[in-house]
C-alpha atoms as a PDB file:
ATOM      1  CA  MET A   1     188.417 -15.659 -12.681  1.00  0.00           C
ATOM      2  CA  ASP A   2     191.099 -14.748 -10.358  1.00  0.00           C
ATOM      3  CA  PHE A   3     191.118 -15.539  -6.628  1.00  0.00           C
ATOM      4  CA  LYS A   4     191.815 -12.357  -4.402  1.00  0.00           C
ATOM      5  CA  GLY A   5     194.066 -11.546  -1.554  1.00  0.00           C
ATOM      6  CA  ASP A   6     195.730 -14.439   0.069  1.00  0.00           C
ATOM      7  CA  ILE A   7     193.920 -17.387  -1.363  1.00  0.00           C
ATOM      8  CA  SER A   8     195.827 -19.694  -3.523  1.00  0.00           C
ATOM      9  CA  PHE A   9     195.180 -23.186  -4.585  1.00  0.00           C
ATOM     10  CA  LYS A  10     197.994 -23.672  -6.886  1.00  0.00           C
ATOM     11  CA  GLY A  11     199.938 -27.142  -6.375  1.00  0.00           C
ATOM     12  CA  ARG A  12     197.585 -28.067  -3.498  1.00  0.00           C
ATOM     13  CA  SER A  13     195.862 -31.282  -3.212  1.00  0.00           C
ATOM     14  CA  PHE A  14     192.009 -31.720  -2.450  1.00  0.00           C
ATOM     15  CA  LEU A  15     191.700 -34.587  -0.148  1.00  0.00           C
ATOM     16  CA  LYS A  16     189.206 -33.514   2.603  1.00  0.00           C
ATOM     17  CA  LEU A  17     187.396 -30.279   3.366  1.00  0.00           C
ATOM     18  CA  LEU A  18     189.011 -30.380   6.912  1.00  0.00           C
ATOM     19  CA  ASP A  19     192.037 -29.004   5.000  1.00  0.00           C
ATOM     20  CA  PHE A  20     190.317 -25.876   3.670  1.00  0.00           C
ATOM     21  CA  SER A  21     188.999 -22.864   5.150  1.00  0.00           C
ATOM     22  CA  PRO A  22     185.421 -21.507   5.009  1.00  0.00           C
ATOM     23  CA  ARG A  23     186.791 -18.775   2.691  1.00  0.00           C
ATOM     24  CA  GLU A  24     188.698 -21.207   0.463  1.00  0.00           C
ATOM     25  CA  ILE A  25     185.585 -23.475   0.223  1.00  0.00           C
ATOM     26  CA  GLY A  26     183.482 -20.360  -0.814  1.00  0.00           C
ATOM     27  CA  ALA A  27     186.163 -19.319  -3.207  1.00  0.00           C
ATOM     28  CA  LEU A  28     186.036 -22.788  -5.022  1.00  0.00           C
ATOM     29  CA  LEU A  29     182.190 -22.622  -5.003  1.00  0.00           C
ATOM     30  CA  ASP A  30     182.468 -19.142  -6.649  1.00  0.00           C
ATOM     31  CA  LEU A  31     184.812 -20.519  -9.173  1.00  0.00           C
ATOM     32  CA  ALA A  32     182.653 -23.408  -9.965  1.00  0.00           C
ATOM     33  CA  ALA A  33     179.399 -21.190 -10.611  1.00  0.00           C
ATOM     34  CA  TRP A  34     181.532 -18.954 -12.794  1.00  0.00           C
ATOM     35  CA  LEU A  35     182.862 -22.056 -14.832  1.00  0.00           C
ATOM     36  CA  LYS A  36     179.211 -23.126 -14.946  1.00  0.00           C
ATOM     37  CA  ALA A  37     178.007 -19.974 -16.358  1.00  0.00           C
ATOM     38  CA  GLU A  38     180.692 -19.821 -18.977  1.00  0.00           C
ATOM     39  CA  LYS A  39     179.781 -23.358 -20.094  1.00  0.00           C
ATOM     40  CA  LYS A  40     176.083 -22.436 -20.297  1.00  0.00           C
ATOM     41  CA  LYS A  41     176.963 -19.599 -22.511  1.00  0.00           C
ATOM     42  CA  GLY A  42     178.943 -21.837 -24.885  1.00  0.00           C
ATOM     43  CA  LEU A  43     182.367 -19.998 -23.844  1.00  0.00           C
ATOM     44  CA  PRO A  44     185.513 -22.021 -23.982  1.00  0.00           C
ATOM     45  CA  HIS A  45     187.579 -22.003 -21.015  1.00  0.00           C
ATOM     46  CA  ARG A  46     190.757 -24.262 -21.722  1.00  0.00           C
ATOM     47  CA  LEU A  47     192.615 -23.007 -18.888  1.00  0.00           C
ATOM     48  CA  HIS A  48     195.037 -25.886 -18.642  1.00  0.00           C
ATOM     49  CA  GLU A  49     195.815 -26.454 -22.428  1.00  0.00           C
ATOM     50  CA  GLY A  50     198.072 -29.410 -23.081  1.00  0.00           C
ATOM     51  CA  LYS A  51     198.282 -30.836 -19.441  1.00  0.00           C
ATOM     52  CA  ASN A  52     197.307 -34.449 -18.461  1.00  0.00           C
ATOM     53  CA  VAL A  53     195.769 -36.006 -15.478  1.00  0.00           C
ATOM     54  CA  ALA A  54     195.490 -39.707 -14.306  1.00  0.00           C
ATOM     55  CA  LEU A  55     192.226 -41.068 -12.967  1.00  0.00           C
ATOM     56  CA  ILE A  56     192.540 -43.990 -10.719  1.00  0.00           C
ATOM     57  CA  PHE A  57     189.369 -45.949  -9.788  1.00  0.00           C
ATOM     58  CA  GLU A  58     189.629 -48.748  -7.413  1.00  0.00           C
ATOM     59  CA  LYS A  59     185.793 -48.320  -7.126  1.00  0.00           C
ATOM     60  CA  THR A  60     183.855 -47.663 -10.239  1.00  0.00           C
ATOM     61  CA  SER A  61     181.544 -44.660 -10.640  1.00  0.00           C
ATOM     62  CA  THR A  62     179.266 -43.063 -13.163  1.00  0.00           C
ATOM     63  CA  ARG A  63     179.072 -39.370 -11.985  1.00  0.00           C
ATOM     64  CA  THR A  64     182.621 -38.998 -10.603  1.00  0.00           C
ATOM     65  CA  ARG A  65     184.348 -40.465 -13.846  1.00  0.00           C
ATOM     66  CA  CYS A  66     182.242 -38.564 -16.241  1.00  0.00           C
ATOM     67  CA  SER A  67     182.536 -35.460 -14.199  1.00  0.00           C
ATOM     68  CA  PHE A  68     186.494 -35.667 -14.292  1.00  0.00           C
ATOM     69  CA  GLU A  69     186.820 -36.419 -18.026  1.00  0.00           C
ATOM     70  CA  VAL A  70     184.307 -33.865 -19.158  1.00  0.00           C
ATOM     71  CA  ALA A  71     185.850 -31.288 -16.788  1.00  0.00           C
ATOM     72  CA  ALA A  72     189.430 -32.285 -18.002  1.00  0.00           C
ATOM     73  CA  SER A  73     188.392 -31.864 -21.618  1.00  0.00           C
ATOM     74  CA  ASP A  74     186.795 -28.477 -21.008  1.00  0.00           C
ATOM     75  CA  LEU A  75     189.892 -27.244 -19.412  1.00  0.00           C
ATOM     76  CA  GLY A  76     192.068 -28.539 -22.578  1.00  0.00           C
ATOM     77  CA  MET A  77     193.516 -31.364 -20.733  1.00  0.00           C
ATOM     78  CA  GLY A  78     193.814 -35.139 -21.465  1.00  0.00           C
ATOM     79  CA  ALA A  79     192.639 -37.797 -19.080  1.00  0.00           C
ATOM     80  CA  VAL A  80     193.609 -41.306 -18.527  1.00  0.00           C
ATOM     81  CA  TYR A  81     191.313 -43.673 -16.824  1.00  0.00           C
ATOM     82  CA  LEU A  82     193.010 -46.425 -14.723  1.00  0.00           C
ATOM     83  CA  ASP A  83     190.141 -48.935 -13.758  1.00  0.00           C
ATOM     84  CA  PRO A  84     190.401 -51.559 -10.827  1.00  0.00           C
ATOM     85  CA  LYS A  85     192.113 -54.087 -13.153  1.00  0.00           C
ATOM     86  CA  ALA A  86     194.575 -51.679 -14.811  1.00  0.00           C
ATOM     87  CA  SER A  87     196.079 -50.238 -11.826  1.00  0.00           C
ATOM     88  CA  GLN A  88     198.844 -52.150  -9.799  1.00  0.00           C
ATOM     89  CA  LEU A  89     198.339 -49.618  -6.673  1.00  0.00           C
ATOM     90  CA  GLY A  90     199.291 -51.234  -3.633  1.00  0.00           C
ATOM     91  CA  LYS A  91     199.286 -54.948  -5.159  1.00  0.00           C
ATOM     92  CA  LYS A  92     202.650 -55.411  -7.407  1.00  0.00           C
ATOM     93  CA  GLU A  93     203.486 -51.799  -6.571  1.00  0.00           C
ATOM     94  CA  SER A  94     203.516 -49.647  -3.407  1.00  0.00           C
ATOM     95  CA  ILE A  95     201.181 -46.673  -3.344  1.00  0.00           C
ATOM     96  CA  ALA A  96     204.341 -44.419  -2.782  1.00  0.00           C
ATOM     97  CA  ASP A  97     206.120 -45.880  -5.994  1.00  0.00           C
ATOM     98  CA  THR A  98     202.941 -45.516  -8.073  1.00  0.00           C
ATOM     99  CA  ALA A  99     202.522 -41.785  -6.911  1.00  0.00           C
ATOM    100  CA  ARG A 100     206.114 -41.132  -7.871  1.00  0.00           C
ATOM    101  CA  VAL A 101     205.812 -42.621 -11.337  1.00  0.00           C
ATOM    102  CA  LEU A 102     202.496 -40.982 -12.078  1.00  0.00           C
ATOM    103  CA  GLY A 103     203.587 -37.719 -10.780  1.00  0.00           C
ATOM    104  CA  ARG A 104     206.413 -37.643 -13.406  1.00  0.00           C
ATOM    105  CA  MET A 105     204.033 -38.147 -16.254  1.00  0.00           C
ATOM    106  CA  PHE A 106     200.974 -36.277 -15.431  1.00  0.00           C
ATOM    107  CA  ASP A 107     200.138 -33.075 -13.948  1.00  0.00           C
ATOM    108  CA  GLY A 108     197.360 -34.096 -11.528  1.00  0.00           C
ATOM    109  CA  ILE A 109     196.068 -37.485 -10.228  1.00  0.00           C
ATOM    110  CA  GLU A 110     192.517 -38.306  -9.155  1.00  0.00           C
ATOM    111  CA  TYR A 111     191.922 -41.271  -6.770  1.00  0.00           C
ATOM    112  CA  ARG A 112     188.649 -43.125  -5.982  1.00  0.00           C
ATOM    113  CA  GLY A 113     188.765 -46.081  -3.599  1.00  0.00           C
ATOM    114  CA  TYR A 114     189.104 -47.260  -0.094  1.00  0.00           C
ATOM    115  CA  GLY A 115     190.970 -45.978   2.862  1.00  0.00           C
ATOM    116  CA  GLN A 116     191.599 -42.344   3.217  1.00  0.00           C
ATOM    117  CA  GLU A 117     195.341 -43.153   4.040  1.00  0.00           C
ATOM    118  CA  ARG A 118     195.525 -44.362   0.477  1.00  0.00           C
ATOM    119  CA  VAL A 119     194.901 -40.983  -1.289  1.00  0.00           C
ATOM    120  CA  GLU A 120     196.989 -39.261   1.455  1.00  0.00           C
ATOM    121  CA  THR A 121     199.907 -41.392   0.585  1.00  0.00           C
ATOM    122  CA  LEU A 122     199.486 -40.580  -3.102  1.00  0.00           C
ATOM    123  CA  ALA A 123     199.501 -36.777  -2.223  1.00  0.00           C
ATOM    124  CA  GLN A 124     202.503 -37.239  -0.123  1.00  0.00           C
ATOM    125  CA  TYR A 125     204.680 -38.825  -2.878  1.00  0.00           C
ATOM    126  CA  ALA A 126     203.136 -37.633  -6.185  1.00  0.00           C
ATOM    127  CA  GLY A 127     204.734 -34.199  -6.290  1.00  0.00           C
ATOM    128  CA  VAL A 128     201.537 -32.854  -8.172  1.00  0.00           C
ATOM    129  CA  PRO A 129     198.103 -32.277  -6.937  1.00  0.00           C
ATOM    130  CA  VAL A 130     196.024 -35.123  -5.903  1.00  0.00           C
ATOM    131  CA  TRP A 131     192.106 -35.052  -5.794  1.00  0.00           C
ATOM    132  CA  ASN A 132     189.978 -37.304  -3.601  1.00  0.00           C
ATOM    133  CA  GLY A 133     187.112 -38.819  -5.863  1.00  0.00           C
ATOM    134  CA  LEU A 134     185.838 -40.887  -2.863  1.00  0.00           C
ATOM    135  CA  THR A 135     187.308 -42.856  -0.018  1.00  0.00           C
ATOM    136  CA  ASN A 136     185.576 -44.878   2.818  1.00  0.00           C
ATOM    137  CA  GLU A 137     185.928 -41.690   5.128  1.00  0.00           C
ATOM    138  CA  PHE A 138     185.397 -38.723   2.981  1.00  0.00           C
ATOM    139  CA  HIS A 139     183.969 -37.540  -0.279  1.00  0.00           C
ATOM    140  CA  PRO A 140     184.863 -33.849  -0.543  1.00  0.00           C
ATOM    141  CA  THR A 141     183.939 -33.383  -4.424  1.00  0.00           C
ATOM    142  CA  GLN A 142     180.402 -34.442  -3.798  1.00  0.00           C
ATOM    143  CA  ILE A 143     180.032 -31.872  -0.920  1.00  0.00           C
ATOM    144  CA  LEU A 144     181.125 -29.059  -3.193  1.00  0.00           C
ATOM    145  CA  ALA A 145     178.497 -30.032  -5.615  1.00  0.00           C
ATOM    146  CA  ASP A 146     175.850 -30.320  -2.953  1.00  0.00           C
ATOM    147  CA  PHE A 147     176.767 -26.956  -1.671  1.00  0.00           C
ATOM    148  CA  LEU A 148     176.789 -25.366  -5.115  1.00  0.00           C
ATOM    149  CA  THR A 149     173.198 -26.828  -5.724  1.00  0.00           C
ATOM    150  CA  ILE A 150     171.910 -25.395  -2.233  1.00  0.00           C
ATOM    151  CA  GLN A 151     173.326 -21.866  -2.885  1.00  0.00           C
ATOM    152  CA  GLU A 152     171.531 -21.934  -6.379  1.00  0.00           C
ATOM    153  CA  HIS A 153     168.120 -22.845  -4.821  1.00  0.00           C
ATOM    154  CA  PHE A 154     168.435 -20.898  -1.595  1.00  0.00           C
ATOM    155  CA  GLY A 155     170.875 -18.160  -2.262  1.00  0.00           C
ATOM    156  CA  SER A 156     173.279 -18.980   0.531  1.00  0.00           C
ATOM    157  CA  LEU A 157     174.530 -21.579   2.931  1.00  0.00           C
ATOM    158  CA  GLU A 158     174.960 -20.027   6.192  1.00  0.00           C
ATOM    159  CA  GLY A 159     172.302 -20.991   8.513  1.00  0.00           C
ATOM    160  CA  LYS A 160     170.565 -23.459   6.261  1.00  0.00           C
ATOM    161  CA  LYS A 161     169.450 -26.829   7.907  1.00  0.00           C
ATOM    162  CA  LEU A 162     170.518 -30.082   6.332  1.00  0.00           C
ATOM    163  CA  VAL A 163     169.392 -33.238   7.872  1.00  0.00           C
ATOM    164  CA  TYR A 164     171.109 -36.390   6.712  1.00  0.00           C
ATOM    165  CA  MET A 165     168.671 -39.467   7.222  1.00  0.00           C
ATOM    166  CA  GLY A 166     170.210 -42.864   7.595  1.00  0.00           C
ATOM    167  CA  ASP A 167     173.814 -44.441   7.929  1.00  0.00           C
ATOM    168  CA  ALA A 168     176.095 -41.401   8.759  1.00  0.00           C
ATOM    169  CA  ARG A 169     179.075 -43.099   9.782  1.00  0.00           C
ATOM    170  CA  TYR A 170     180.943 -43.115   6.545  1.00  0.00           C
ATOM    171  CA  ASN A 171     182.126 -40.670   3.752  1.00  0.00           C
ATOM    172  CA  MET A 172     178.820 -38.949   3.035  1.00  0.00           C
ATOM    173  CA  GLY A 173     177.686 -38.451   6.610  1.00  0.00           C
ATOM    174  CA  ASN A 174     181.291 -37.336   7.670  1.00  0.00           C
ATOM    175  CA  SER A 175     181.627 -34.994   4.696  1.00  0.00           C
ATOM    176  CA  LEU A 176     178.340 -33.293   5.095  1.00  0.00           C
ATOM    177  CA  MET A 177     179.075 -32.760   8.816  1.00  0.00           C
ATOM    178  CA  VAL A 178     182.534 -31.104   8.023  1.00  0.00           C
ATOM    179  CA  GLY A 179     181.147 -29.061   5.230  1.00  0.00           C
ATOM    180  CA  CYS A 180     178.224 -27.742   7.344  1.00  0.00           C
ATOM    181  CA  ALA A 181     180.554 -26.983  10.236  1.00  0.00           C
ATOM    182  CA  LYS A 182     182.777 -25.103   7.892  1.00  0.00           C
ATOM    183  CA  MET A 183     180.077 -22.992   6.277  1.00  0.00           C
ATOM    184  CA  GLY A 184     178.196 -22.149   9.296  1.00  0.00           C
ATOM    185  CA  MET A 185     175.227 -24.411   8.596  1.00  0.00           C
ATOM    186  CA  GLN A 186     172.807 -26.421  10.781  1.00  0.00           C
ATOM    187  CA  PHE A 187     173.718 -30.160  10.513  1.00  0.00           C
ATOM    188  CA  VAL A 188     171.465 -32.879  11.951  1.00  0.00           C
ATOM    189  CA  ALA A 189     172.249 -36.622  11.561  1.00  0.00           C
ATOM    190  CA  CYS A 190     169.305 -38.694  12.084  1.00  0.00           C
ATOM    191  CA  ALA A 191     169.581 -42.395  12.622  1.00  0.00           C
ATOM    192  CA  PRO A 192     169.818 -44.994  15.342  1.00  0.00           C
ATOM    193  CA  GLU A 193     172.671 -44.099  17.724  1.00  0.00           C
ATOM    194  CA  ALA A 194     174.821 -46.642  16.363  1.00  0.00           C
ATOM    195  CA  TYR A 195     174.914 -45.085  12.936  1.00  0.00           C
ATOM    196  CA  PHE A 196     176.305 -41.794  14.028  1.00  0.00           C
ATOM    197  CA  PRO A 197     179.737 -40.529  12.930  1.00  0.00           C
ATOM    198  CA  ALA A 198     182.782 -41.274  15.105  1.00  0.00           C
ATOM    199  CA  GLY A 199     183.219 -39.398  18.315  1.00  0.00           C
ATOM    200  CA  ALA A 200     186.459 -38.091  17.421  1.00  0.00           C
ATOM    201  CA  LEU A 201     185.307 -36.369  14.100  1.00  0.00           C
ATOM    202  CA  ILE A 202     182.192 -34.959  16.010  1.00  0.00           C
ATOM    203  CA  GLY A 203     184.634 -33.316  18.447  1.00  0.00           C
ATOM    204  CA  GLU A 204     186.674 -31.679  15.785  1.00  0.00           C
ATOM    205  CA  CYS A 205     183.439 -30.396  13.895  1.00  0.00           C
ATOM    206  CA  ARG A 206     182.261 -29.012  17.150  1.00  0.00           C
ATOM    207  CA  ALA A 207     185.273 -27.064  17.580  1.00  0.00           C
ATOM    208  CA  ILE A 208     184.915 -25.646  14.031  1.00  0.00           C
ATOM    209  CA  ALA A 209     181.211 -24.948  14.640  1.00  0.00           C
ATOM    210  CA  GLU A 210     182.372 -22.853  17.509  1.00  0.00           C
ATOM    211  CA  GLN A 211     184.294 -20.475  15.184  1.00  0.00           C
ATOM    212  CA  THR A 212     181.626 -20.452  12.386  1.00  0.00           C
ATOM    213  CA  GLY A 213     178.426 -20.116  14.160  1.00  0.00           C
ATOM    214  CA  ALA A 214     177.346 -23.798  12.788  1.00  0.00           C
ATOM    215  CA  SER A 215     175.325 -26.156  15.016  1.00  0.00           C
ATOM    216  CA  LEU A 216     175.488 -29.924  15.171  1.00  0.00           C
ATOM    217  CA  ARG A 217     172.646 -32.182  16.307  1.00  0.00           C
ATOM    218  CA  PHE A 218     172.172 -36.026  16.435  1.00  0.00           C
ATOM    219  CA  GLU A 219     168.464 -37.268  16.672  1.00  0.00           C
ATOM    220  CA  THR A 220     166.844 -40.646  16.590  1.00  0.00           C
ATOM    221  CA  ASP A 221     163.425 -39.167  16.002  1.00  0.00           C
ATOM    222  CA  PRO A 222     162.897 -38.498  12.038  1.00  0.00           C
ATOM    223  CA  LEU A 223     160.011 -36.123  12.737  1.00  0.00           C
ATOM    224  CA  GLU A 224     161.956 -34.196  15.253  1.00  0.00           C
ATOM    225  CA  ALA A 225     164.936 -34.017  13.164  1.00  0.00           C
ATOM    226  CA  VAL A 226     163.351 -32.655   9.966  1.00  0.00           C
ATOM    227  CA  ARG A 227     161.080 -29.875  11.558  1.00  0.00           C
ATOM    228  CA  GLY A 228     162.204 -26.746   9.561  1.00  0.00           C
ATOM    229  CA  ALA A 229     164.801 -28.399   7.374  1.00  0.00           C
ATOM    230  CA  ASP A 230     165.954 -26.840   4.219  1.00  0.00           C
ATOM    231  CA  VAL A 231     167.603 -30.034   2.871  1.00  0.00           C
ATOM    232  CA  ILE A 232     166.707 -33.569   3.594  1.00  0.00           C
ATOM    233  CA  TYR A 233     169.752 -35.718   2.378  1.00  0.00           C
ATOM    234  CA  THR A 234     170.093 -39.471   2.350  1.00  0.00           C
ATOM    235  CA  ASP A 235     172.235 -42.015   0.474  1.00  0.00           C
ATOM    236  CA  VAL A 236     172.159 -45.867  -0.040  1.00  0.00           C
ATOM    237  CA  TRP A 237     172.207 -48.087   2.978  1.00  0.00           C
ATOM    238  CA  VAL A 238     174.899 -50.482   1.709  1.00  0.00           C
ATOM    239  CA  SER A 239     177.935 -49.000   0.444  1.00  0.00           C
ATOM    240  CA  MET A 240     180.368 -50.427  -2.277  1.00  0.00           C
ATOM    241  CA  GLY A 241     182.478 -53.120  -0.965  1.00  0.00           C
ATOM    242  CA  GLU A 242     180.415 -54.124   1.860  1.00  0.00           C
ATOM    243  CA  ALA A 243     178.983 -57.879   2.155  1.00  0.00           C
ATOM    244  CA  GLU A 244     175.321 -58.556   0.798  1.00  0.00           C
ATOM    245  CA  GLU A 245     174.626 -60.034   4.306  1.00  0.00           C
ATOM    246  CA  VAL A 246     174.464 -56.718   5.858  1.00  0.00           C
ATOM    247  CA  TRP A 247     171.324 -55.852   3.860  1.00  0.00           C
ATOM    248  CA  ALA A 248     168.983 -57.576   6.303  1.00  0.00           C
ATOM    249  CA  GLN A 249     170.310 -55.556   9.504  1.00  0.00           C
ATOM    250  CA  ARG A 250     170.410 -52.137   7.489  1.00  0.00           C
ATOM    251  CA  ILE A 251     166.847 -52.517   6.405  1.00  0.00           C
ATOM    252  CA  LYS A 252     165.722 -53.428   9.851  1.00  0.00           C
ATOM    253  CA  ASP A 253     167.601 -50.514  11.497  1.00  0.00           C
ATOM    254  CA  LEU A 254     167.144 -47.840   8.782  1.00  0.00           C
ATOM    255  CA  LEU A 255     163.689 -48.436   7.252  1.00  0.00           C
ATOM    256  CA  PRO A 256     162.046 -46.008   9.842  1.00  0.00           C
ATOM    257  CA  TYR A 257     164.498 -43.353   8.609  1.00  0.00           C
ATOM    258  CA  GLN A 258     163.359 -43.827   4.787  1.00  0.00           C
ATOM    259  CA  VAL A 259     162.587 -40.443   3.227  1.00  0.00           C
ATOM    260  CA  ASN A 260     158.872 -40.338   2.251  1.00  0.00           C
ATOM    261  CA  GLY A 261     156.239 -37.956   1.460  1.00  0.00           C
ATOM    262  CA  ALA A 262     155.046 -37.719   5.072  1.00  0.00           C
ATOM    263  CA  LEU A 263     158.732 -36.659   6.039  1.00  0.00           C
ATOM    264  CA  MET A 264     158.982 -34.078   3.321  1.00  0.00           C
ATOM    265  CA  ASP A 265     155.740 -32.663   4.619  1.00  0.00           C
ATOM    266  CA  ALA A 266     156.705 -32.626   8.173  1.00  0.00           C
ATOM    267  CA  ALA A 267     159.941 -30.557   7.305  1.00  0.00           C
ATOM    268  CA  GLY A 268     157.796 -27.866   5.338  1.00  0.00           C
ATOM    269  CA  PRO A 269     157.197 -26.610   1.952  1.00  0.00           C
ATOM    270  CA  GLN A 270     160.746 -25.116   1.698  1.00  0.00           C
ATOM    271  CA  CYS A 271     162.334 -28.364   2.099  1.00  0.00           C
ATOM    272  CA  ARG A 272     164.188 -29.907  -0.772  1.00  0.00           C
ATOM    273  CA  PHE A 273     165.413 -33.467  -1.245  1.00  0.00           C
ATOM    274  CA  MET A 274     169.011 -34.251  -2.127  1.00  0.00           C
ATOM    275  CA  HIS A 275     170.639 -37.905  -2.734  1.00  0.00           C
ATOM    276  CA  CYS A 276     174.345 -38.397  -3.977  1.00  0.00           C
ATOM    277  CA  LEU A 277     173.178 -41.208  -6.285  1.00  0.00           C
ATOM    278  CA  PRO A 278     172.674 -43.895  -7.361  1.00  0.00           C
ATOM    279  CA  ALA A 279     169.361 -44.245  -5.390  1.00  0.00           C
ATOM    280  CA  PHE A 280     167.109 -47.211  -4.652  1.00  0.00           C
ATOM    281  CA  HIS A 281     163.833 -45.503  -5.427  1.00  0.00           C
ATOM    282  CA  ASP A 282     162.002 -48.231  -7.730  1.00  0.00           C
ATOM    283  CA  LEU A 283     162.555 -51.714  -9.162  1.00  0.00           C
ATOM    284  CA  GLU A 284     164.718 -50.440 -12.327  1.00  0.00           C
ATOM    285  CA  THR A 285     167.854 -51.830 -11.070  1.00  0.00           C
ATOM    286  CA  GLU A 286     169.218 -55.247 -10.533  1.00  0.00           C
ATOM    287  CA  THR A 287     169.985 -54.638  -6.801  1.00  0.00           C
ATOM    288  CA  GLY A 288     166.555 -53.092  -6.497  1.00  0.00           C
ATOM    289  CA  ARG A 289     164.718 -56.031  -7.951  1.00  0.00           C
ATOM    290  CA  ALA A 290     166.893 -58.343  -5.772  1.00  0.00           C
ATOM    291  CA  ILE A 291     165.969 -56.659  -2.565  1.00  0.00           C
ATOM    292  CA  HIS A 292     162.249 -56.609  -3.721  1.00  0.00           C
ATOM    293  CA  GLU A 293     162.350 -60.470  -4.232  1.00  0.00           C
ATOM    294  CA  LYS A 294     164.105 -61.035  -0.732  1.00  0.00           C
ATOM    295  CA  TYR A 295     162.470 -58.272   1.460  1.00  0.00           C
ATOM    296  CA  GLY A 296     159.375 -57.200  -0.390  1.00  0.00           C
ATOM    297  CA  LEU A 297     160.381 -53.603  -0.644  1.00  0.00           C
ATOM    298  CA  ASP A 298     159.384 -51.524  -3.737  1.00  0.00           C
ATOM    299  CA  CYS A 299     162.107 -48.720  -2.733  1.00  0.00           C
ATOM    300  CA  MET A 300     164.632 -48.336   0.044  1.00  0.00           C
ATOM    301  CA  GLU A 301     166.129 -45.142   1.374  1.00  0.00           C
ATOM    302  CA  VAL A 302     163.691 -42.850  -0.561  1.00  0.00           C
ATOM    303  CA  THR A 303     160.401 -43.376  -2.134  1.00  0.00           C
ATOM    304  CA  HIS A 304     159.828 -42.930  -5.757  1.00  0.00           C
ATOM    305  CA  GLU A 305     157.146 -40.217  -5.039  1.00  0.00           C
ATOM    306  CA  VAL A 306     159.794 -38.011  -3.246  1.00  0.00           C
ATOM    307  CA  PHE A 307     162.597 -38.934  -5.677  1.00  0.00           C
ATOM    308  CA  GLU A 308     160.461 -37.819  -8.867  1.00  0.00           C
ATOM    309  CA  GLY A 309     158.754 -35.067  -6.942  1.00  0.00           C
ATOM    310  CA  PRO A 310     158.847 -31.491  -7.477  1.00  0.00           C
ATOM    311  CA  ARG A 311     161.056 -30.949  -4.352  1.00  0.00           C
ATOM    312  CA  SER A 312     163.782 -33.289  -5.596  1.00  0.00           C
ATOM    313  CA  ILE A 313     166.864 -31.490  -6.769  1.00  0.00           C
ATOM    314  CA  VAL A 314     169.065 -34.645  -7.309  1.00  0.00           C
ATOM    315  CA  PHE A 315     169.892 -34.030 -10.877  1.00  0.00           C
ATOM    316  CA  ASP A 316     170.826 -30.469 -10.452  1.00  0.00           C
ATOM    317  CA  GLU A 317     173.053 -31.963  -7.804  1.00  0.00           C
ATOM    318  CA  ALA A 318     174.465 -34.495 -10.219  1.00  0.00           C
ATOM    319  CA  GLU A 319     175.200 -31.918 -12.975  1.00  0.00           C
ATOM    320  CA  ASN A 320     177.112 -29.819 -10.380  1.00  0.00           C
ATOM    321  CA  ARG A 321     179.558 -32.655  -9.776  1.00  0.00           C
ATOM    322  CA  MET A 322     181.202 -31.793 -13.073  1.00  0.00           C
ATOM    323  CA  HIS A 323     181.104 -27.937 -12.449  1.00  0.00           C
ATOM    324  CA  THR A 324     182.681 -28.299  -9.045  1.00  0.00           C
ATOM    325  CA  ILE A 325     185.282 -30.965  -9.902  1.00  0.00           C
ATOM    326  CA  LYS A 326     186.443 -28.531 -12.757  1.00  0.00           C
ATOM    327  CA  ALA A 327     186.874 -25.775 -10.337  1.00  0.00           C
ATOM    328  CA  VAL A 328     189.081 -27.904  -8.062  1.00  0.00           C
ATOM    329  CA  MET A 329     191.202 -29.177 -11.009  1.00  0.00           C
ATOM    330  CA  ALA A 330     191.358 -25.540 -12.451  1.00  0.00           C
ATOM    331  CA  ALA A 331     192.317 -23.876  -9.189  1.00  0.00           C
ATOM    332  CA  THR A 332     194.838 -26.467  -8.076  1.00  0.00           C
ATOM    333  CA  LEU A 333     196.645 -26.822 -11.497  1.00  0.00           C
END
């Protein structure tokens, strides 16, 4: 699949959606849909035979690592995984020096870890495309997967209403707000006011929304927020790297924003449930059992009924991580 007109991704890094126009984001989604269709038909698409990519994981992951490794293999590339113990990034070697070393050995670099400034520095010095697999501030590859999933279920993105329930201060709340602003969607963050995104980013997204026809709202009332929603989206209440002590406060503040059957019904029959995973919807995880023993909860940000229900599209979403990540690598290399 060739990009038309003035769209070119070759040699560019993929660090945050703010760096890309709505047309460019749409082109990446089109490429992902095409690559997914080719894979479903069993047709090879080894577009970058013989190239190699480095996968830096300061934070571990199931979906992100598997997505990058399978996508790289499908594109004909080799992938080298650097786990938190295998990389000296920022410890014994500066990020800039690591970037210049890896950039001479690899054709592209993925980074998943902490501050956005780390992946930005990698991109500044690597000399090859760098892809953001997650930072504290942004998670752009996840948003591409989310938007491909919404397109598949609703036919388009424009005008669709997405409600993010819970802690919207970090990578998922930030990135969904940016993505919705870029693509002309209705974005609603629903949480206590202290959990809304930073004012500076809200201002930047409002300026984008004025150009695209998107809308941004910030609600504290869950029933008001979800009325007419096409998608209710949530994430875990405590992120990787945060202290265990924050659980008590998060549970107290965010339990009223749990996604349950009553909330889905209030949204309407058109509404679908999304979650970037992993999700605490039962007692089948060590964390889930520990929270149950300490706080008496059988589930947290979403009930088992909703997670396993007919309106949940979380596993379509999870699969699409691979197809959209493949599109990003294919386009930028």
